[in-house]
């Protein structure tokens, strides 16, 4: 029988929290405001970029 180890960091939980937070913010915006928000976010210098 396999024993489970306690996780120090739960990636799925973190992803769901981020998604819920963003959903709450975007649900109050119009389409134009959402587009402007993502354009602004894309230009931030502290944005983490994925590496290949």
PDB file of N, CA and C in Angstrom:
ATOM      1  N   UNK A   1       0.835  -1.180   0.000  1.00  0.00           N
ATOM      2  CA  UNK A   1       0.000   0.000   0.000  1.00  0.00           C
ATOM      3  C   UNK A   1       0.884   1.248   0.000  1.00  0.00           C
ATOM      4  N   UNK A   2       0.495   2.220  -0.786  1.00  0.00           N
ATOM      5  CA  UNK A   2       1.275   3.443  -0.929  1.00  0.00           C
ATOM      6  C   UNK A   2       0.841   4.495   0.096  1.00  0.00           C
ATOM      7  N   UNK A   3       1.796   5.153   0.696  1.00  0.00           N
ATOM      8  CA  UNK A   3       1.461   6.223   1.636  1.00  0.00           C
ATOM      9  C   UNK A   3       1.585   7.566   0.926  1.00  0.00           C
ATOM     10  N   UNK A   4       0.721   8.492   1.301  1.00  0.00           N
ATOM     11  CA  UNK A   4       0.731   9.814   0.679  1.00  0.00           C
ATOM     12  C   UNK A   4       1.594  10.757   1.495  1.00  0.00           C
ATOM     13  N   UNK A   5       2.370  11.554   0.794  1.00  0.00           N
ATOM     14  CA  UNK A   5       3.171  12.566   1.443  1.00  0.00           C
ATOM     15  C   UNK A   5       2.391  13.878   1.439  1.00  0.00           C
ATOM     16  N   UNK A   6       2.579  14.659   2.490  1.00  0.00           N
ATOM     17  CA  UNK A   6       1.919  15.952   2.542  1.00  0.00           C
ATOM     18  C   UNK A   6       2.640  16.926   1.609  1.00  0.00           C
ATOM     19  N   UNK A   7       1.851  17.611   0.803  1.00  0.00           N
ATOM     20  CA  UNK A   7       2.416  18.552  -0.152  1.00  0.00           C
ATOM     21  C   UNK A   7       2.804  19.847   0.551  1.00  0.00           C
ATOM     22  N   UNK A   8       3.942  20.382   0.151  1.00  0.00           N
ATOM     23  CA  UNK A   8       4.349  21.675   0.673  1.00  0.00           C
ATOM     24  C   UNK A   8       3.737  22.791  -0.160  1.00  0.00           C
ATOM     25  N   UNK A   9       3.497  22.504  -1.428  1.00  0.00           N
ATOM     26  CA  UNK A   9       2.933  23.492  -2.340  1.00  0.00           C
ATOM     27  C   UNK A   9       1.920  22.798  -3.242  1.00  0.00           C
ATOM     28  N   UNK A  10       0.708  23.338  -3.287  1.00  0.00           N
ATOM     29  CA  UNK A  10      -0.358  22.750  -4.093  1.00  0.00           C
ATOM     30  C   UNK A  10      -0.594  23.614  -5.334  1.00  0.00           C
ATOM     31  N   UNK A  11      -0.084  23.168  -6.466  1.00  0.00           N
ATOM     32  CA  UNK A  11      -0.165  23.921  -7.706  1.00  0.00           C
ATOM     33  C   UNK A  11      -1.602  24.087  -8.176  1.00  0.00           C
ATOM     34  N   UNK A  12      -2.404  23.055  -8.089  1.00  0.00           N
ATOM     35  CA  UNK A  12      -3.790  23.119  -8.550  1.00  0.00           C
ATOM     36  C   UNK A  12      -4.568  24.137  -7.719  1.00  0.00           C
ATOM     37  N   UNK A  13      -4.362  24.117  -6.420  1.00  0.00           N
ATOM     38  CA  UNK A  13      -5.038  25.070  -5.541  1.00  0.00           C
ATOM     39  C   UNK A  13      -4.656  26.504  -5.909  1.00  0.00           C
ATOM     40  N   UNK A  14      -3.368  26.740  -6.145  1.00  0.00           N
ATOM     41  CA  UNK A  14      -2.901  28.069  -6.501  1.00  0.00           C
ATOM     42  C   UNK A  14      -3.508  28.518  -7.827  1.00  0.00           C
ATOM     43  N   UNK A  15      -3.545  27.637  -8.817  1.00  0.00           N
ATOM     44  CA  UNK A  15      -4.098  27.969 -10.121  1.00  0.00           C
ATOM     45  C   UNK A  15      -5.581  28.309 -10.014  1.00  0.00           C
ATOM     46  N   UNK A  16      -6.311  27.571  -9.210  1.00  0.00           N
ATOM     47  CA  UNK A  16      -7.738  27.848  -9.031  1.00  0.00           C
ATOM     48  C   UNK A  16      -7.964  29.180  -8.328  1.00  0.00           C
ATOM     49  N   UNK A  17      -7.126  29.495  -7.349  1.00  0.00           N
ATOM     50  CA  UNK A  17      -7.247  30.775  -6.641  1.00  0.00           C
ATOM     51  C   UNK A  17      -6.991  31.943  -7.596  1.00  0.00           C
ATOM     52  N   UNK A  18      -5.974  31.811  -8.446  1.00  0.00           N
ATOM     53  CA  UNK A  18      -5.663  32.862  -9.421  1.00  0.00           C
ATOM     54  C   UNK A  18      -6.815  33.012 -10.407  1.00  0.00           C
ATOM     55  N   UNK A  19      -7.351  31.887 -10.891  1.00  0.00           N
ATOM     56  CA  UNK A  19      -8.460  31.907 -11.844  1.00  0.00           C
ATOM     57  C   UNK A  19      -9.689  32.561 -11.234  1.00  0.00           C
ATOM     58  N   UNK A  20     -10.009  32.217  -9.997  1.00  0.00           N
ATOM     59  CA  UNK A  20     -11.177  32.787  -9.333  1.00  0.00           C
ATOM     60  C   UNK A  20     -11.015  34.288  -9.109  1.00  0.00           C
ATOM     61  N   UNK A  21      -9.816  34.699  -8.740  1.00  0.00           N
ATOM     62  CA  UNK A  21      -9.531  36.118  -8.505  1.00  0.00           C
ATOM     63  C   UNK A  21      -9.669  36.916  -9.807  1.00  0.00           C
ATOM     64  N   UNK A  22      -9.116  36.375 -10.895  1.00  0.00           N
ATOM     65  CA  UNK A  22      -9.197  37.038 -12.192  1.00  0.00           C
ATOM     66  C   UNK A  22     -10.636  37.055 -12.693  1.00  0.00           C
ATOM     67  N   UNK A  23     -11.361  35.977 -12.497  1.00  0.00           N
ATOM     68  CA  UNK A  23     -12.753  35.898 -12.917  1.00  0.00           C
ATOM     69  C   UNK A  23     -13.604  36.945 -12.200  1.00  0.00           C
ATOM     70  N   UNK A  24     -13.376  37.133 -10.910  1.00  0.00           N
ATOM     71  CA  UNK A  24     -14.124  38.128 -10.149  1.00  0.00           C
ATOM     72  C   UNK A  24     -13.835  39.534 -10.669  1.00  0.00           C
ATOM     73  N   UNK A  25     -12.584  39.785 -11.031  1.00  0.00           N
ATOM     74  CA  UNK A  25     -12.201  41.101 -11.533  1.00  0.00           C
ATOM     75  C   UNK A  25     -12.790  41.342 -12.922  1.00  0.00           C
ATOM     76  N   UNK A  26     -12.691  40.349 -13.806  1.00  0.00           N
ATOM     77  CA  UNK A  26     -13.138  40.520 -15.186  1.00  0.00           C
ATOM     78  C   UNK A  26     -14.655  40.514 -15.335  1.00  0.00           C
ATOM     79  N   UNK A  27     -15.356  39.883 -14.431  1.00  0.00           N
ATOM     80  CA  UNK A  27     -16.811  39.799 -14.553  1.00  0.00           C
ATOM     81  C   UNK A  27     -17.476  41.158 -14.398  1.00  0.00           C
ATOM     82  N   UNK A  28     -16.777  42.120 -13.809  1.00  0.00           N
ATOM     83  CA  UNK A  28     -17.325  43.463 -13.611  1.00  0.00           C
ATOM     84  C   UNK A  28     -16.944  44.413 -14.743  1.00  0.00           C
ATOM     85  N   UNK A  29     -16.183  43.923 -15.740  1.00  0.00           N
ATOM     86  CA  UNK A  29     -15.687  44.779 -16.815  1.00  0.00           C
ATOM     87  C   UNK A  29     -16.437  44.545 -18.119  1.00  0.00           C
ATOM     88  N   UNK A  30     -16.404  45.577 -18.970  1.00  0.00           N
ATOM     89  CA  UNK A  30     -16.944  45.441 -20.320  1.00  0.00           C
ATOM     90  C   UNK A  30     -15.874  44.797 -21.195  1.00  0.00           C
ATOM     91  N   UNK A  31     -16.257  44.443 -22.414  1.00  0.00           N
ATOM     92  CA  UNK A  31     -15.318  43.810 -23.341  1.00  0.00           C
ATOM     93  C   UNK A  31     -14.126  44.722 -23.610  1.00  0.00           C
ATOM     94  N   UNK A  32     -14.386  46.009 -23.806  1.00  0.00           N
ATOM     95  CA  UNK A  32     -13.320  46.961 -24.089  1.00  0.00           C
ATOM     96  C   UNK A  32     -12.371  47.099 -22.897  1.00  0.00           C
ATOM     97  N   UNK A  33     -12.919  47.096 -21.684  1.00  0.00           N
ATOM     98  CA  UNK A  33     -12.096  47.195 -20.480  1.00  0.00           C
ATOM     99  C   UNK A  33     -11.224  45.950 -20.305  1.00  0.00           C
ATOM    100  N   UNK A  34     -11.764  44.789 -20.654  1.00  0.00           N
ATOM    101  CA  UNK A  34     -10.997  43.541 -20.549  1.00  0.00           C
ATOM    102  C   UNK A  34      -9.821  43.558 -21.512  1.00  0.00           C
ATOM    103  N   UNK A  35     -10.068  43.994 -22.753  1.00  0.00           N
ATOM    104  CA  UNK A  35      -8.996  44.074 -23.756  1.00  0.00           C
ATOM    105  C   UNK A  35      -7.924  45.046 -23.278  1.00  0.00           C
ATOM    106  N   UNK A  36      -8.332  46.200 -22.757  1.00  0.00           N
ATOM    107  CA  UNK A  36      -7.378  47.189 -22.260  1.00  0.00           C
ATOM    108  C   UNK A  36      -6.592  46.634 -21.068  1.00  0.00           C
ATOM    109  N   UNK A  37      -7.251  45.888 -20.200  1.00  0.00           N
ATOM    110  CA  UNK A  37      -6.592  45.301 -19.032  1.00  0.00           C
ATOM    111  C   UNK A  37      -5.479  44.346 -19.467  1.00  0.00           C
ATOM    112  N   UNK A  38      -5.771  43.474 -20.423  1.00  0.00           N
ATOM    113  CA  UNK A  38      -4.761  42.506 -20.848  1.00  0.00           C
ATOM    114  C   UNK A  38      -3.632  43.157 -21.642  1.00  0.00           C
ATOM    115  N   UNK A  39      -3.945  44.201 -22.392  1.00  0.00           N
ATOM    116  CA  UNK A  39      -2.878  44.938 -23.075  1.00  0.00           C
ATOM    117  C   UNK A  39      -1.949  45.587 -22.062  1.00  0.00           C
ATOM    118  N   UNK A  40      -2.520  46.142 -21.017  1.00  0.00           N
ATOM    119  CA  UNK A  40      -1.721  46.769 -19.955  1.00  0.00           C
ATOM    120  C   UNK A  40      -0.864  45.731 -19.231  1.00  0.00           C
ATOM    121  N   UNK A  41      -1.442  44.575 -18.942  1.00  0.00           N
ATOM    122  CA  UNK A  41      -0.718  43.519 -18.246  1.00  0.00           C
ATOM    123  C   UNK A  41       0.450  43.003 -19.090  1.00  0.00           C
ATOM    124  N   UNK A  42       0.247  42.953 -20.395  1.00  0.00           N
ATOM    125  CA  UNK A  42       1.279  42.443 -21.297  1.00  0.00           C
ATOM    126  C   UNK A  42       2.508  43.352 -21.311  1.00  0.00           C
ATOM    127  N   UNK A  43       2.309  44.638 -21.086  1.00  0.00           N
ATOM    128  CA  UNK A  43       3.401  45.603 -21.164  1.00  0.00           C
ATOM    129  C   UNK A  43       4.156  45.789 -19.845  1.00  0.00           C
ATOM    130  N   UNK A  44       3.696  45.167 -18.775  1.00  0.00           N
ATOM    131  CA  UNK A  44       4.369  45.320 -17.484  1.00  0.00           C
ATOM    132  C   UNK A  44       5.757  44.671 -17.532  1.00  0.00           C
ATOM    133  N   UNK A  45       6.766  45.378 -17.019  1.00  0.00           N
ATOM    134  CA  UNK A  45       8.133  44.834 -17.073  1.00  0.00           C
ATOM    135  C   UNK A  45       8.369  43.667 -16.117  1.00  0.00           C
ATOM    136  N   UNK A  46       7.576  43.545 -15.068  1.00  0.00           N
ATOM    137  CA  UNK A  46       7.791  42.476 -14.086  1.00  0.00           C
ATOM    138  C   UNK A  46       7.031  41.201 -14.430  1.00  0.00           C
ATOM    139  N   UNK A  47       6.501  41.131 -15.631  1.00  0.00           N
ATOM    140  CA  UNK A  47       5.727  39.965 -16.070  1.00  0.00           C
ATOM    141  C   UNK A  47       6.658  38.760 -16.214  1.00  0.00           C
ATOM    142  N   UNK A  48       6.239  37.620 -15.717  1.00  0.00           N
ATOM    143  CA  UNK A  48       7.011  36.396 -15.829  1.00  0.00           C
ATOM    144  C   UNK A  48       6.712  35.763 -17.182  1.00  0.00           C
ATOM    145  N   UNK A  49       7.745  35.522 -17.939  1.00  0.00           N
ATOM    146  CA  UNK A  49       7.585  34.931 -19.259  1.00  0.00           C
ATOM    147  C   UNK A  49       7.988  33.467 -19.213  1.00  0.00           C
ATOM    148  N   UNK A  50       7.208  32.603 -19.843  1.00  0.00           N
ATOM    149  CA  UNK A  50       7.562  31.178 -19.848  1.00  0.00           C
ATOM    150  C   UNK A  50       8.850  30.938 -20.645  1.00  0.00           C
ATOM    151  N   UNK A  51       9.609  29.980 -20.219  1.00  0.00           N
ATOM    152  CA  UNK A  51      10.823  29.637 -20.956  1.00  0.00           C
ATOM    153  C   UNK A  51      10.618  28.310 -21.680  1.00  0.00           C
ATOM    154  N   UNK A  52      11.240  28.186 -22.798  1.00  0.00           N
ATOM    155  CA  UNK A  52      11.069  26.978 -23.607  1.00  0.00           C
ATOM    156  C   UNK A  52      12.184  25.996 -23.336  1.00  0.00           C
TER     157      UNK A  52
END
